[in-house]
Structures are given as structure tokens and as C-alpha cells.
Amino acid sequence: DAGLPRGRATRILRRATGAAGLDTLGTGD
């Protein structure tokens, strides 16, 4: 609602709330 594209907002929040968990994803696939 503040003007961020949804995809970008989602990526920011994934890192903010679960950065360690995202490190589990070892490859692009």
C-alpha cells in the first residue's frame, strides 16, 4: 500500500524474518 511492488516486499520480508532459513536454499533451482 505504501508503493512497493509485491514481489520486492515479499523478498525484503523473507530476509527480515527468516534470513537464516533462506540460506538453506543452496541453488537457484
PDB file of all heavy atoms in Angstrom:
ATOM      1  N   ASP A   1       0.821  -1.207   0.000  1.00  0.00           N
ATOM      2  CA  ASP A   1       0.000   0.000   0.000  1.00  0.00           C
ATOM      3  C   ASP A   1       0.858   1.262   0.000  1.00  0.00           C
ATOM      4  O   ASP A   1       0.441   2.309  -0.502  1.00  0.00           O
ATOM      5  CB  ASP A   1      -0.935   0.016   1.215  1.00  0.00           C
ATOM      6  CG  ASP A   1      -2.036  -1.033   1.125  1.00  0.00           C
ATOM      7  OD1 ASP A   1      -2.275  -1.538   0.008  1.00  0.00           O
ATOM      8  OD2 ASP A   1      -2.623  -1.365   2.165  1.00  0.00           O
ATOM      9  N   ALA A   2       2.073   1.152   0.556  1.00  0.00           N
ATOM     10  CA  ALA A   2       2.976   2.299   0.577  1.00  0.00           C
ATOM     11  C   ALA A   2       3.633   2.530  -0.776  1.00  0.00           C
ATOM     12  O   ALA A   2       4.279   3.563  -0.972  1.00  0.00           O
ATOM     13  CB  ALA A   2       4.044   2.101   1.647  1.00  0.00           C
ATOM     14  N   GLY A   3       3.509   1.558  -1.691  1.00  0.00           N
ATOM     15  CA  GLY A   3       4.049   1.756  -3.034  1.00  0.00           C
ATOM     16  C   GLY A   3       5.100   0.767  -3.476  1.00  0.00           C
ATOM     17  O   GLY A   3       5.606   0.854  -4.599  1.00  0.00           O
ATOM     18  N   LEU A   4       5.456  -0.206  -2.620  1.00  0.00           N
ATOM     19  CA  LEU A   4       6.439  -1.206  -3.023  1.00  0.00           C
ATOM     20  C   LEU A   4       5.785  -2.285  -3.885  1.00  0.00           C
ATOM     21  O   LEU A   4       4.669  -2.720  -3.582  1.00  0.00           O
ATOM     22  CB  LEU A   4       7.056  -1.893  -1.797  1.00  0.00           C
ATOM     23  CG  LEU A   4       8.207  -1.198  -1.073  1.00  0.00           C
ATOM     24  CD1 LEU A   4       8.768  -2.132  -0.025  1.00  0.00           C
ATOM     25  CD2 LEU A   4       9.293  -0.771  -2.023  1.00  0.00           C
ATOM     26  N   PRO A   5       6.431  -2.735  -4.964  1.00  0.00           N
ATOM     27  CA  PRO A   5       5.915  -3.894  -5.701  1.00  0.00           C
ATOM     28  C   PRO A   5       5.818  -5.104  -4.767  1.00  0.00           C
ATOM     29  O   PRO A   5       6.671  -5.297  -3.896  1.00  0.00           O
ATOM     30  CB  PRO A   5       6.975  -4.108  -6.793  1.00  0.00           C
ATOM     31  CG  PRO A   5       7.663  -2.795  -6.928  1.00  0.00           C
ATOM     32  CD  PRO A   5       7.663  -2.188  -5.559  1.00  0.00           C
ATOM     33  N   ARG A   6       4.779  -5.919  -4.954  1.00  0.00           N
ATOM     34  CA  ARG A   6       4.554  -7.044  -4.038  1.00  0.00           C
ATOM     35  C   ARG A   6       5.745  -8.001  -4.005  1.00  0.00           C
ATOM     36  O   ARG A   6       6.137  -8.478  -2.943  1.00  0.00           O
ATOM     37  CB  ARG A   6       3.282  -7.796  -4.444  1.00  0.00           C
ATOM     38  CG  ARG A   6       2.884  -8.926  -3.484  1.00  0.00           C
ATOM     39  CD  ARG A   6       1.524  -9.487  -3.838  1.00  0.00           C
ATOM     40  NE  ARG A   6       0.494  -8.479  -3.687  1.00  0.00           N
ATOM     41  CZ  ARG A   6      -0.094  -8.194  -2.516  1.00  0.00           C
ATOM     42  NH1 ARG A   6       0.271  -8.846  -1.426  1.00  0.00           N
ATOM     43  NH2 ARG A   6      -1.034  -7.276  -2.465  1.00  0.00           N
ATOM     44  N   GLY A   7       6.321  -8.291  -5.170  1.00  0.00           N
ATOM     45  CA  GLY A   7       7.450  -9.216  -5.192  1.00  0.00           C
ATOM     46  C   GLY A   7       8.624  -8.702  -4.383  1.00  0.00           C
ATOM     47  O   GLY A   7       9.276  -9.458  -3.655  1.00  0.00           O
ATOM     48  N   ARG A   8       8.911  -7.411  -4.509  1.00  0.00           N
ATOM     49  CA  ARG A   8      10.024  -6.836  -3.761  1.00  0.00           C
ATOM     50  C   ARG A   8       9.728  -6.839  -2.261  1.00  0.00           C
ATOM     51  O   ARG A   8      10.592  -7.157  -1.437  1.00  0.00           O
ATOM     52  CB  ARG A   8      10.301  -5.411  -4.241  1.00  0.00           C
ATOM     53  CG  ARG A   8      11.474  -4.745  -3.521  1.00  0.00           C
ATOM     54  CD  ARG A   8      11.874  -3.440  -4.188  1.00  0.00           C
ATOM     55  NE  ARG A   8      12.999  -2.828  -3.519  1.00  0.00           N
ATOM     56  CZ  ARG A   8      14.250  -3.207  -3.669  1.00  0.00           C
ATOM     57  NH1 ARG A   8      14.536  -4.221  -4.472  1.00  0.00           N
ATOM     58  NH2 ARG A   8      15.228  -2.606  -3.026  1.00  0.00           N
ATOM     59  N   ALA A   9       8.497  -6.482  -1.901  1.00  0.00           N
ATOM     60  CA  ALA A   9       8.117  -6.501  -0.489  1.00  0.00           C
ATOM     61  C   ALA A   9       8.273  -7.907   0.086  1.00  0.00           C
ATOM     62  O   ALA A   9       8.764  -8.080   1.210  1.00  0.00           O
ATOM     63  CB  ALA A   9       6.680  -6.007  -0.331  1.00  0.00           C
ATOM     64  N   THR A  10       7.857  -8.915  -0.680  1.00  0.00           N
ATOM     65  CA  THR A  10       7.973 -10.293  -0.213  1.00  0.00           C
ATOM     66  C   THR A  10       9.429 -10.675   0.009  1.00  0.00           C
ATOM     67  O   THR A  10       9.776 -11.298   1.025  1.00  0.00           O
ATOM     68  CB  THR A  10       7.328 -11.249  -1.237  1.00  0.00           C
ATOM     69  OG1 THR A  10       5.931 -10.939  -1.359  1.00  0.00           O
ATOM     70  CG2 THR A  10       7.473 -12.695  -0.787  1.00  0.00           C
ATOM     71  N   ARG A  11      10.310 -10.310  -0.922  1.00  0.00           N
ATOM     72  CA  ARG A  11      11.734 -10.656  -0.773  1.00  0.00           C
ATOM     73  C   ARG A  11      12.344  -9.965   0.447  1.00  0.00           C
ATOM     74  O   ARG A  11      13.128 -10.572   1.180  1.00  0.00           O
ATOM     75  CB  ARG A  11      12.493 -10.280  -2.042  1.00  0.00           C
ATOM     76  CG  ARG A  11      12.146 -11.152  -3.250  1.00  0.00           C
ATOM     77  CD  ARG A  11      13.110 -10.922  -4.387  1.00  0.00           C
ATOM     78  NE  ARG A  11      13.001  -9.585  -4.948  1.00  0.00           N
ATOM     79  CZ  ARG A  11      12.163  -9.230  -5.896  1.00  0.00           C
ATOM     80  NH1 ARG A  11      11.310 -10.126  -6.388  1.00  0.00           N
ATOM     81  NH2 ARG A  11      12.136  -7.993  -6.362  1.00  0.00           N
ATOM     82  N   ILE A  12      11.987  -8.710   0.658  1.00  0.00           N
ATOM     83  CA  ILE A  12      12.515  -7.982   1.822  1.00  0.00           C
ATOM     84  C   ILE A  12      12.077  -8.662   3.112  1.00  0.00           C
ATOM     85  O   ILE A  12      12.881  -8.872   4.031  1.00  0.00           O
ATOM     86  CB  ILE A  12      12.043  -6.521   1.791  1.00  0.00           C
ATOM     87  CG1 ILE A  12      12.745  -5.763   0.659  1.00  0.00           C
ATOM     88  CG2 ILE A  12      12.319  -5.829   3.126  1.00  0.00           C
ATOM     89  CD1 ILE A  12      12.203  -4.368   0.435  1.00  0.00           C
ATOM     90  N   LEU A  13      10.809  -9.035   3.193  1.00  0.00           N
ATOM     91  CA  LEU A  13      10.285  -9.616   4.427  1.00  0.00           C
ATOM     92  C   LEU A  13      10.810 -11.021   4.663  1.00  0.00           C
ATOM     93  O   LEU A  13      10.993 -11.439   5.810  1.00  0.00           O
ATOM     94  CB  LEU A  13       8.758  -9.606   4.405  1.00  0.00           C
ATOM     95  CG  LEU A  13       8.130  -8.208   4.372  1.00  0.00           C
ATOM     96  CD1 LEU A  13       6.623  -8.301   4.502  1.00  0.00           C
ATOM     97  CD2 LEU A  13       8.686  -7.336   5.484  1.00  0.00           C
ATOM     98  N   ARG A  14      11.032 -11.768   3.589  1.00  0.00           N
ATOM     99  CA  ARG A  14      11.629 -13.096   3.778  1.00  0.00           C
ATOM    100  C   ARG A  14      12.991 -12.975   4.445  1.00  0.00           C
ATOM    101  O   ARG A  14      13.330 -13.734   5.357  1.00  0.00           O
ATOM    102  CB  ARG A  14      11.774 -13.809   2.438  1.00  0.00           C
ATOM    103  CG  ARG A  14      10.485 -14.403   1.890  1.00  0.00           C
ATOM    104  CD  ARG A  14      10.690 -14.940   0.483  1.00  0.00           C
ATOM    105  NE  ARG A  14       9.479 -15.553  -0.038  1.00  0.00           N
ATOM    106  CZ  ARG A  14       9.312 -15.894  -1.310  1.00  0.00           C
ATOM    107  NH1 ARG A  14      10.276 -15.671  -2.195  1.00  0.00           N
ATOM    108  NH2 ARG A  14       8.179 -16.449  -1.704  1.00  0.00           N
ATOM    109  N   ARG A  15      13.788 -12.028   3.989  1.00  0.00           N
ATOM    110  CA  ARG A  15      15.112 -11.828   4.569  1.00  0.00           C
ATOM    111  C   ARG A  15      15.022 -11.279   5.985  1.00  0.00           C
ATOM    112  O   ARG A  15      15.803 -11.655   6.860  1.00  0.00           O
ATOM    113  CB  ARG A  15      15.922 -10.866   3.693  1.00  0.00           C
ATOM    114  CG  ARG A  15      16.499 -11.517   2.450  1.00  0.00           C
ATOM    115  CD  ARG A  15      17.656 -12.418   2.821  1.00  0.00           C
ATOM    116  NE  ARG A  15      18.166 -13.145   1.665  1.00  0.00           N
ATOM    117  CZ  ARG A  15      19.124 -14.071   1.740  1.00  0.00           C
ATOM    118  NH1 ARG A  15      19.646 -14.383   2.903  1.00  0.00           N
ATOM    119  NH2 ARG A  15      19.537 -14.685   0.651  1.00  0.00           N
ATOM    120  N   ALA A  16      14.063 -10.370   6.204  1.00  0.00           N
ATOM    121  CA  ALA A  16      13.951  -9.745   7.520  1.00  0.00           C
ATOM    122  C   ALA A  16      13.516 -10.728   8.589  1.00  0.00           C
ATOM    123  O   ALA A  16      13.939 -10.645   9.736  1.00  0.00           O
ATOM    124  CB  ALA A  16      12.973  -8.572   7.459  1.00  0.00           C
ATOM    125  N   THR A  17      12.638 -11.665   8.210  1.00  0.00           N
ATOM    126  CA  THR A  17      12.065 -12.576   9.207  1.00  0.00           C
ATOM    127  C   THR A  17      12.668 -13.971   9.178  1.00  0.00           C
ATOM    128  O   THR A  17      12.453 -14.747  10.101  1.00  0.00           O
ATOM    129  CB  THR A  17      10.544 -12.694   8.997  1.00  0.00           C
ATOM    130  OG1 THR A  17      10.281 -13.186   7.667  1.00  0.00           O
ATOM    131  CG2 THR A  17       9.879 -11.345   9.148  1.00  0.00           C
ATOM    132  N   GLY A  18      13.402 -14.324   8.127  1.00  0.00           N
ATOM    133  CA  GLY A  18      13.919 -15.693   8.047  1.00  0.00           C
ATOM    134  C   GLY A  18      15.182 -15.811   7.231  1.00  0.00           C
ATOM    135  O   GLY A  18      15.308 -16.709   6.402  1.00  0.00           O
ATOM    136  N   ALA A  19      16.131 -14.895   7.466  1.00  0.00           N
ATOM    137  CA  ALA A  19      17.359 -14.889   6.660  1.00  0.00           C
ATOM    138  C   ALA A  19      18.117 -16.205   6.779  1.00  0.00           C
ATOM    139  O   ALA A  19      18.614 -16.745   5.791  1.00  0.00           O
ATOM    140  CB  ALA A  19      18.253 -13.719   7.071  1.00  0.00           C
ATOM    141  N   ALA A  20      18.191 -16.735   8.005  1.00  0.00           N
ATOM    142  CA  ALA A  20      18.915 -17.992   8.197  1.00  0.00           C
ATOM    143  C   ALA A  20      18.238 -19.122   7.440  1.00  0.00           C
ATOM    144  O   ALA A  20      18.911 -19.983   6.858  1.00  0.00           O
ATOM    145  CB  ALA A  20      18.998 -18.325   9.691  1.00  0.00           C
ATOM    146  N   GLY A  21      16.902 -19.110   7.420  1.00  0.00           N
ATOM    147  CA  GLY A  21      16.187 -20.155   6.703  1.00  0.00           C
ATOM    148  C   GLY A  21      16.431 -20.099   5.214  1.00  0.00           C
ATOM    149  O   GLY A  21      16.532 -21.139   4.549  1.00  0.00           O
ATOM    150  N   LEU A  22      16.542 -18.899   4.657  1.00  0.00           N
ATOM    151  CA  LEU A  22      16.790 -18.772   3.223  1.00  0.00           C
ATOM    152  C   LEU A  22      18.155 -19.318   2.838  1.00  0.00           C
ATOM    153  O   LEU A  22      18.360 -19.716   1.690  1.00  0.00           O
ATOM    154  CB  LEU A  22      16.676 -17.303   2.795  1.00  0.00           C
ATOM    155  CG  LEU A  22      15.256 -16.739   2.756  1.00  0.00           C
ATOM    156  CD1 LEU A  22      15.290 -15.266   2.387  1.00  0.00           C
ATOM    157  CD2 LEU A  22      14.394 -17.508   1.767  1.00  0.00           C
ATOM    158  N   ASP A  23      19.084 -19.341   3.786  1.00  0.00           N
ATOM    159  CA  ASP A  23      20.402 -19.917   3.489  1.00  0.00           C
ATOM    160  C   ASP A  23      20.316 -21.413   3.223  1.00  0.00           C
ATOM    161  O   ASP A  23      21.261 -22.003   2.688  1.00  0.00           O
ATOM    162  CB  ASP A  23      21.365 -19.649   4.650  1.00  0.00           C
ATOM    163  CG  ASP A  23      21.717 -18.166   4.767  1.00  0.00           C
ATOM    164  OD1 ASP A  23      21.543 -17.441   3.768  1.00  0.00           O
ATOM    165  OD2 ASP A  23      22.139 -17.744   5.859  1.00  0.00           O
ATOM    166  N   THR A  24      19.200 -22.028   3.601  1.00  0.00           N
ATOM    167  CA  THR A  24      19.001 -23.449   3.304  1.00  0.00           C
ATOM    168  C   THR A  24      18.903 -23.681   1.803  1.00  0.00           C
ATOM    169  O   THR A  24      19.243 -24.770   1.318  1.00  0.00           O
ATOM    170  CB  THR A  24      17.712 -23.956   3.991  1.00  0.00           C
ATOM    171  OG1 THR A  24      17.811 -23.736   5.391  1.00  0.00           O
ATOM    172  CG2 THR A  24      17.484 -25.435   3.730  1.00  0.00           C
ATOM    173  N   LEU A  25      18.455 -22.680   1.069  1.00  0.00           N
ATOM    174  CA  LEU A  25      18.252 -22.821  -0.376  1.00  0.00           C
ATOM    175  C   LEU A  25      19.594 -22.625  -1.074  1.00  0.00           C
ATOM    176  O   LEU A  25      20.004 -21.500  -1.374  1.00  0.00           O
ATOM    177  CB  LEU A  25      17.225 -21.801  -0.853  1.00  0.00           C
ATOM    178  CG  LEU A  25      15.921 -21.768  -0.025  1.00  0.00           C
ATOM    179  CD1 LEU A  25      15.045 -20.609  -0.476  1.00  0.00           C
ATOM    180  CD2 LEU A  25      15.185 -23.090  -0.138  1.00  0.00           C
ATOM    181  N   GLY A  26      20.263 -23.732  -1.352  1.00  0.00           N
ATOM    182  CA  GLY A  26      21.647 -23.667  -1.802  1.00  0.00           C
ATOM    183  C   GLY A  26      21.844 -23.318  -3.254  1.00  0.00           C
ATOM    184  O   GLY A  26      22.954 -22.958  -3.651  1.00  0.00           O
ATOM    185  N   THR A  27      20.815 -23.437  -4.075  1.00  0.00           N
ATOM    186  CA  THR A  27      20.964 -23.181  -5.507  1.00  0.00           C
ATOM    187  C   THR A  27      19.739 -22.442  -6.031  1.00  0.00           C
ATOM    188  O   THR A  27      18.685 -22.414  -5.389  1.00  0.00           O
ATOM    189  CB  THR A  27      21.113 -24.493  -6.299  1.00  0.00           C
ATOM    190  OG1 THR A  27      19.951 -25.312  -6.047  1.00  0.00           O
ATOM    191  CG2 THR A  27      22.369 -25.250  -5.905  1.00  0.00           C
ATOM    192  N   GLY A  28      19.892 -21.889  -7.229  1.00  0.00           N
ATOM    193  CA  GLY A  28      18.766 -21.232  -7.868  1.00  0.00           C
ATOM    194  C   GLY A  28      17.618 -22.184  -8.118  1.00  0.00           C
ATOM    195  O   GLY A  28      16.441 -21.807  -7.993  1.00  0.00           O
ATOM    196  N   ASP A  29      17.925 -23.437  -8.471  1.00  0.00           N
ATOM    197  CA  ASP A  29      16.860 -24.418  -8.708  1.00  0.00           C
ATOM    198  C   ASP A  29      16.103 -24.729  -7.423  1.00  0.00           C
ATOM    199  O   ASP A  29      14.881 -24.918  -7.439  1.00  0.00           O
ATOM    200  CB  ASP A  29      17.442 -25.698  -9.307  1.00  0.00           C
ATOM    201  CG  ASP A  29      17.899 -25.504 -10.743  1.00  0.00           C
ATOM    202  OD1 ASP A  29      17.274 -24.704 -11.453  1.00  0.00           O
ATOM    203  OD2 ASP A  29      18.885 -26.145 -11.149  1.00  0.00           O
TER     204      ASP A  29
END
